[in-house]
Each structure stands twice: as C-alpha cells, then as structure tokens.
Amino acid sequence: MICQKEVRVLRLKKVNKTDWCLVGILILSAFLYGWGIWDAGSANSYYTAAITSMTKSWSNFWYGAFDPAGFITVDKPPVALWLMAISAKIFGIHGWSVVLPSVLAGIGSVYLMYQLLAPKFGVWAGRVGALILTLTPTVVANSRTNNMDAILVFFLLLA
C-alpha cells in the first residue's frame, strides 16, 4: 500500500516535468514561422481583400465575403478567414496581422504533433516528429502567408 507521503512525491514529480527539448523546438518553430512577417506586405492579396471586407460587416464576416457589398464569397470555407479577420480587427489590417494566425497555427501544429506521437511511441519519437514538421520547407512557407494551409493542418491534427 502506498502511503500519503509517496503519493505527494509522485504528484510533484508529474507537475514539474518540462520537456526542454520540446520548448526548444517550439522556439525554433516560432522563429522560422514568424521571421519576416512584418515584411509580408499584403501577403496573398486575394485573401487580404476578403479579410478587409470581412472586417467591415458581420454579414461579410459570417459568409466570407470577398467584396464589400457581400455579393461574392471566397472559394473556401471561411473558418481560417474568420481567425485572420479577428486578428485584423484587433491589430488593424496589416500584412503581419493577417499572417499571425497562420504563424500561431504552425506553432500549434508542432505542439500537437508532439502530443500525438509521444504517448504512443515515446518522447523521442514525439521530438523527432515535431522537429521534422518544424523544418519541413512547405510548412515554413505556408506558415508565413495568409493562405489557409497552416490553419487546415492545425485543425486536421487537432481532429
């Protein structure tokens, strides 16, 4: 039978366990994905125009309208654009503010990759998987734009 003192020690060991390799990988992904987003200009101008329209009215926001009149919608589901429009509404419409949700989704994808692999295959497999995802060139490129791909990958990993 385990005494109360041993139970407290076991609980404390679980709480204080930080994977510093994962922290380093997440910092590396934040650096790679966030580097140069202040020079994004209008990023993908098609989606930036839609985001600008979406910040003007709730109807345009809800339906992902491309034009200010709300007549033409974007050719993709608007969930990723909703996140970008919220960011643009908070920070203003700038290249970096519409790219910021993609950067955060990319970093979140790295963390989710670790969380998906580590319990089943061990922490080293989780670290390697997270590092490979961090260094994959197309992931880096997509996390620096306001295309939907980084947010799509995040939600696919979350599912």
C-alpha atoms as a PDB file:
ATOM      1  CA  MET A   1       0.000   0.000   0.000  1.00  0.00           C
ATOM      2  CA  ILE A   2       1.322   3.459  -0.895  1.00  0.00           C
ATOM      3  CA  CYS A   3       1.499   5.934   1.956  1.00  0.00           C
ATOM      4  CA  GLN A   4       0.327   9.538   1.638  1.00  0.00           C
ATOM      5  CA  LYS A   5       3.872  10.920   1.524  1.00  0.00           C
ATOM      6  CA  GLU A   6       4.774   8.805  -1.514  1.00  0.00           C
ATOM      7  CA  VAL A   7       1.606   9.907  -3.310  1.00  0.00           C
ATOM      8  CA  ARG A   8       2.526  13.578  -2.793  1.00  0.00           C
ATOM      9  CA  VAL A   9       6.046  12.953  -4.099  1.00  0.00           C
ATOM     10  CA  LEU A  10       4.654  11.187  -7.193  1.00  0.00           C
ATOM     11  CA  ARG A  11       2.261  14.063  -7.855  1.00  0.00           C
ATOM     12  CA  LEU A  12       5.054  16.633  -7.541  1.00  0.00           C
ATOM     13  CA  LYS A  13       7.245  14.743  -9.996  1.00  0.00           C
ATOM     14  CA  LYS A  14       4.484  14.779 -12.626  1.00  0.00           C
ATOM     15  CA  VAL A  15       3.813  18.514 -12.206  1.00  0.00           C
ATOM     16  CA  ASN A  16       7.449  19.623 -12.525  1.00  0.00           C
ATOM     17  CA  LYS A  17       8.188  17.652 -15.697  1.00  0.00           C
ATOM     18  CA  THR A  18       9.039  20.049 -18.546  1.00  0.00           C
ATOM     19  CA  ASP A  19      10.393  18.777 -21.835  1.00  0.00           C
ATOM     20  CA  TRP A  20      13.052  21.375 -22.616  1.00  0.00           C
ATOM     21  CA  CYS A  21      13.779  19.815 -25.995  1.00  0.00           C
ATOM     22  CA  LEU A  22      10.157  20.446 -26.968  1.00  0.00           C
ATOM     23  CA  VAL A  23      10.420  24.014 -25.691  1.00  0.00           C
ATOM     24  CA  GLY A  24      13.494  24.495 -27.888  1.00  0.00           C
ATOM     25  CA  ILE A  25      11.691  23.034 -30.907  1.00  0.00           C
ATOM     26  CA  LEU A  26       8.710  25.347 -30.307  1.00  0.00           C
ATOM     27  CA  ILE A  27      11.031  28.371 -30.043  1.00  0.00           C
ATOM     28  CA  LEU A  28      12.723  27.298 -33.285  1.00  0.00           C
ATOM     29  CA  SER A  29       9.334  26.971 -34.998  1.00  0.00           C
ATOM     30  CA  ALA A  30       8.271  30.401 -33.720  1.00  0.00           C
ATOM     31  CA  PHE A  31      11.493  31.861 -35.117  1.00  0.00           C
ATOM     32  CA  LEU A  32      11.212  30.135 -38.509  1.00  0.00           C
ATOM     33  CA  TYR A  33       7.497  30.767 -38.979  1.00  0.00           C
ATOM     34  CA  GLY A  34       7.475  34.309 -37.635  1.00  0.00           C
ATOM     35  CA  TRP A  35      10.642  35.591 -39.276  1.00  0.00           C
ATOM     36  CA  GLY A  36       9.894  38.358 -41.754  1.00  0.00           C
ATOM     37  CA  ILE A  37       6.121  38.526 -41.369  1.00  0.00           C
ATOM     38  CA  TRP A  38       6.423  42.282 -40.846  1.00  0.00           C
ATOM     39  CA  ASP A  39       7.585  42.413 -44.492  1.00  0.00           C
ATOM     40  CA  ALA A  40       4.561  40.442 -45.705  1.00  0.00           C
ATOM     41  CA  GLY A  41       3.069  43.462 -47.474  1.00  0.00           C
ATOM     42  CA  SER A  42      -0.471  42.407 -48.284  1.00  0.00           C
ATOM     43  CA  ALA A  43       0.536  38.709 -48.198  1.00  0.00           C
ATOM     44  CA  ASN A  44      -1.908  36.958 -50.545  1.00  0.00           C
ATOM     45  CA  SER A  45      -3.791  39.996 -51.810  1.00  0.00           C
ATOM     46  CA  TYR A  46      -6.895  37.972 -52.732  1.00  0.00           C
ATOM     47  CA  TYR A  47      -7.397  36.775 -49.154  1.00  0.00           C
ATOM     48  CA  THR A  48      -6.328  40.115 -47.691  1.00  0.00           C
ATOM     49  CA  ALA A  49      -9.087  41.810 -49.709  1.00  0.00           C
ATOM     50  CA  ALA A  50     -11.571  39.274 -48.352  1.00  0.00           C
ATOM     51  CA  ILE A  51     -10.321  39.850 -44.801  1.00  0.00           C
ATOM     52  CA  THR A  52     -10.686  43.607 -45.285  1.00  0.00           C
ATOM     53  CA  SER A  53     -14.260  43.091 -46.475  1.00  0.00           C
ATOM     54  CA  MET A  54     -14.969  40.732 -43.571  1.00  0.00           C
ATOM     55  CA  THR A  55     -13.925  43.358 -41.028  1.00  0.00           C
ATOM     56  CA  LYS A  56     -16.497  45.810 -42.416  1.00  0.00           C
ATOM     57  CA  SER A  57     -19.729  43.960 -41.568  1.00  0.00           C
ATOM     58  CA  TRP A  58     -20.954  40.917 -39.662  1.00  0.00           C
ATOM     59  CA  SER A  59     -22.660  39.516 -42.742  1.00  0.00           C
ATOM     60  CA  ASN A  60     -19.436  39.689 -44.720  1.00  0.00           C
ATOM     61  CA  PHE A  61     -17.592  38.135 -41.781  1.00  0.00           C
ATOM     62  CA  TRP A  62     -20.021  35.261 -41.405  1.00  0.00           C
ATOM     63  CA  TYR A  63     -20.160  34.335 -45.094  1.00  0.00           C
ATOM     64  CA  GLY A  64     -16.535  35.085 -46.001  1.00  0.00           C
ATOM     65  CA  ALA A  65     -17.496  37.763 -48.490  1.00  0.00           C
ATOM     66  CA  PHE A  66     -14.804  38.942 -50.874  1.00  0.00           C
ATOM     67  CA  ASP A  67     -16.372  42.257 -51.856  1.00  0.00           C
ATOM     68  CA  PRO A  68     -17.698  44.972 -49.515  1.00  0.00           C
ATOM     69  CA  ALA A  69     -21.243  44.522 -50.877  1.00  0.00           C
ATOM     70  CA  GLY A  70     -21.184  40.881 -49.718  1.00  0.00           C
ATOM     71  CA  PHE A  71     -22.122  39.549 -53.147  1.00  0.00           C
ATOM     72  CA  ILE A  72     -19.066  37.367 -53.911  1.00  0.00           C
ATOM     73  CA  THR A  73     -17.728  34.847 -51.398  1.00  0.00           C
ATOM     74  CA  VAL A  74     -14.299  33.272 -51.152  1.00  0.00           C
ATOM     75  CA  ASP A  75     -13.850  29.872 -52.762  1.00  0.00           C
ATOM     76  CA  LYS A  76     -13.031  28.112 -49.473  1.00  0.00           C
ATOM     77  CA  PRO A  77     -14.796  27.625 -46.153  1.00  0.00           C
ATOM     78  CA  PRO A  78     -14.350  30.818 -44.135  1.00  0.00           C
ATOM     79  CA  VAL A  79     -13.127  29.344 -40.812  1.00  0.00           C
ATOM     80  CA  ALA A  80      -9.464  30.235 -41.419  1.00  0.00           C
ATOM     81  CA  LEU A  81     -10.505  33.634 -42.731  1.00  0.00           C
ATOM     82  CA  TRP A  82     -12.537  34.197 -39.558  1.00  0.00           C
ATOM     83  CA  LEU A  83      -9.363  33.824 -37.480  1.00  0.00           C
ATOM     84  CA  MET A  84      -7.473  36.174 -39.776  1.00  0.00           C
ATOM     85  CA  ALA A  85     -10.299  38.723 -39.750  1.00  0.00           C
ATOM     86  CA  ILE A  86     -10.414  38.657 -35.952  1.00  0.00           C
ATOM     87  CA  SER A  87      -6.669  39.288 -35.881  1.00  0.00           C
ATOM     88  CA  ALA A  88      -7.059  42.122 -38.400  1.00  0.00           C
ATOM     89  CA  LYS A  89      -9.902  43.599 -36.361  1.00  0.00           C
ATOM     90  CA  ILE A  90      -7.760  43.562 -33.200  1.00  0.00           C
ATOM     91  CA  PHE A  91      -4.440  44.735 -34.682  1.00  0.00           C
ATOM     92  CA  GLY A  92      -5.571  46.549 -37.822  1.00  0.00           C
ATOM     93  CA  ILE A  93      -5.232  45.378 -41.394  1.00  0.00           C
ATOM     94  CA  HIS A  94      -1.516  44.862 -41.965  1.00  0.00           C
ATOM     95  CA  GLY A  95       0.437  42.092 -43.625  1.00  0.00           C
ATOM     96  CA  TRP A  96       1.693  40.757 -40.314  1.00  0.00           C
ATOM     97  CA  SER A  97      -1.716  40.848 -38.634  1.00  0.00           C
ATOM     98  CA  VAL A  98      -3.341  38.668 -41.284  1.00  0.00           C
ATOM     99  CA  VAL A  99      -0.375  36.254 -41.267  1.00  0.00           C
ATOM    100  CA  LEU A 100      -0.207  35.989 -37.462  1.00  0.00           C
ATOM    101  CA  PRO A 101      -2.947  33.309 -37.161  1.00  0.00           C
ATOM    102  CA  SER A 102      -1.049  31.125 -39.646  1.00  0.00           C
ATOM    103  CA  VAL A 103       2.134  31.509 -37.611  1.00  0.00           C
ATOM    104  CA  LEU A 104       0.310  30.566 -34.407  1.00  0.00           C
ATOM    105  CA  ALA A 105      -1.390  27.622 -36.134  1.00  0.00           C
ATOM    106  CA  GLY A 106       2.000  26.401 -37.370  1.00  0.00           C
ATOM    107  CA  ILE A 107       3.459  26.534 -33.860  1.00  0.00           C
ATOM    108  CA  GLY A 108       0.349  24.819 -32.517  1.00  0.00           C
ATOM    109  CA  SER A 109       0.716  22.098 -35.155  1.00  0.00           C
ATOM    110  CA  VAL A 110       4.251  21.377 -33.979  1.00  0.00           C
ATOM    111  CA  TYR A 111       2.999  21.009 -30.405  1.00  0.00           C
ATOM    112  CA  LEU A 112       0.100  18.807 -31.498  1.00  0.00           C
ATOM    113  CA  MET A 113       2.454  16.584 -33.490  1.00  0.00           C
ATOM    114  CA  TYR A 114       4.493  16.026 -30.330  1.00  0.00           C
ATOM    115  CA  GLN A 115       1.359  15.339 -28.273  1.00  0.00           C
ATOM    116  CA  LEU A 116       0.101  12.823 -30.832  1.00  0.00           C
ATOM    117  CA  LEU A 117       3.354  10.873 -31.084  1.00  0.00           C
ATOM    118  CA  ALA A 118       4.819  10.968 -27.566  1.00  0.00           C
ATOM    119  CA  PRO A 119       2.187   8.965 -25.632  1.00  0.00           C
ATOM    120  CA  LYS A 120       2.140   6.093 -28.139  1.00  0.00           C
ATOM    121  CA  PHE A 121       5.747   5.964 -29.376  1.00  0.00           C
ATOM    122  CA  GLY A 122       7.762   7.780 -26.691  1.00  0.00           C
ATOM    123  CA  VAL A 123       9.129  11.267 -26.156  1.00  0.00           C
ATOM    124  CA  TRP A 124      11.987  10.868 -28.639  1.00  0.00           C
ATOM    125  CA  ALA A 125       9.591   9.971 -31.431  1.00  0.00           C
ATOM    126  CA  GLY A 126       7.474  12.993 -30.467  1.00  0.00           C
ATOM    127  CA  ARG A 127      10.509  15.256 -30.521  1.00  0.00           C
ATOM    128  CA  VAL A 128      11.718  13.949 -33.880  1.00  0.00           C
ATOM    129  CA  GLY A 129       8.231  14.264 -35.392  1.00  0.00           C
ATOM    130  CA  ALA A 130       7.860  17.812 -34.070  1.00  0.00           C
ATOM    131  CA  LEU A 131      11.330  18.751 -35.347  1.00  0.00           C
ATOM    132  CA  ILE A 132      10.669  17.287 -38.802  1.00  0.00           C
ATOM    133  CA  LEU A 133       7.398  19.195 -39.021  1.00  0.00           C
ATOM    134  CA  THR A 134       9.174  22.372 -37.887  1.00  0.00           C
ATOM    135  CA  LEU A 135      11.885  22.059 -40.544  1.00  0.00           C
ATOM    136  CA  THR A 136       9.694  20.970 -43.471  1.00  0.00           C
ATOM    137  CA  PRO A 137      10.093  23.738 -46.073  1.00  0.00           C
ATOM    138  CA  THR A 138       6.483  23.776 -47.234  1.00  0.00           C
ATOM    139  CA  VAL A 139       5.258  24.075 -43.636  1.00  0.00           C
ATOM    140  CA  VAL A 140       7.606  27.015 -43.077  1.00  0.00           C
ATOM    141  CA  ALA A 141       6.442  28.670 -46.303  1.00  0.00           C
ATOM    142  CA  ASN A 142       2.742  28.145 -45.601  1.00  0.00           C
ATOM    143  CA  SER A 143       3.042  29.423 -42.043  1.00  0.00           C
ATOM    144  CA  ARG A 144       4.394  32.729 -43.370  1.00  0.00           C
ATOM    145  CA  THR A 145       1.417  33.525 -45.589  1.00  0.00           C
ATOM    146  CA  ASN A 146      -2.283  34.081 -45.128  1.00  0.00           C
ATOM    147  CA  ASN A 147      -3.200  31.004 -47.161  1.00  0.00           C
ATOM    148  CA  MET A 148      -5.445  28.530 -45.369  1.00  0.00           C
ATOM    149  CA  ASP A 149      -2.972  25.630 -45.308  1.00  0.00           C
ATOM    150  CA  ALA A 150      -1.342  26.187 -41.894  1.00  0.00           C
ATOM    151  CA  ILE A 151      -4.715  26.509 -40.189  1.00  0.00           C
ATOM    152  CA  LEU A 152      -6.013  23.474 -42.097  1.00  0.00           C
ATOM    153  CA  VAL A 153      -3.068  21.363 -40.902  1.00  0.00           C
ATOM    154  CA  PHE A 154      -3.636  22.551 -37.323  1.00  0.00           C
ATOM    155  CA  PHE A 155      -7.289  21.534 -37.355  1.00  0.00           C
ATOM    156  CA  LEU A 156      -6.514  18.206 -39.053  1.00  0.00           C
ATOM    157  CA  LEU A 157      -4.013  17.383 -36.308  1.00  0.00           C
ATOM    158  CA  LEU A 158      -6.484  18.560 -33.688  1.00  0.00           C
ATOM    159  CA  ALA A 159      -9.147  16.220 -35.099  1.00  0.00           C
END
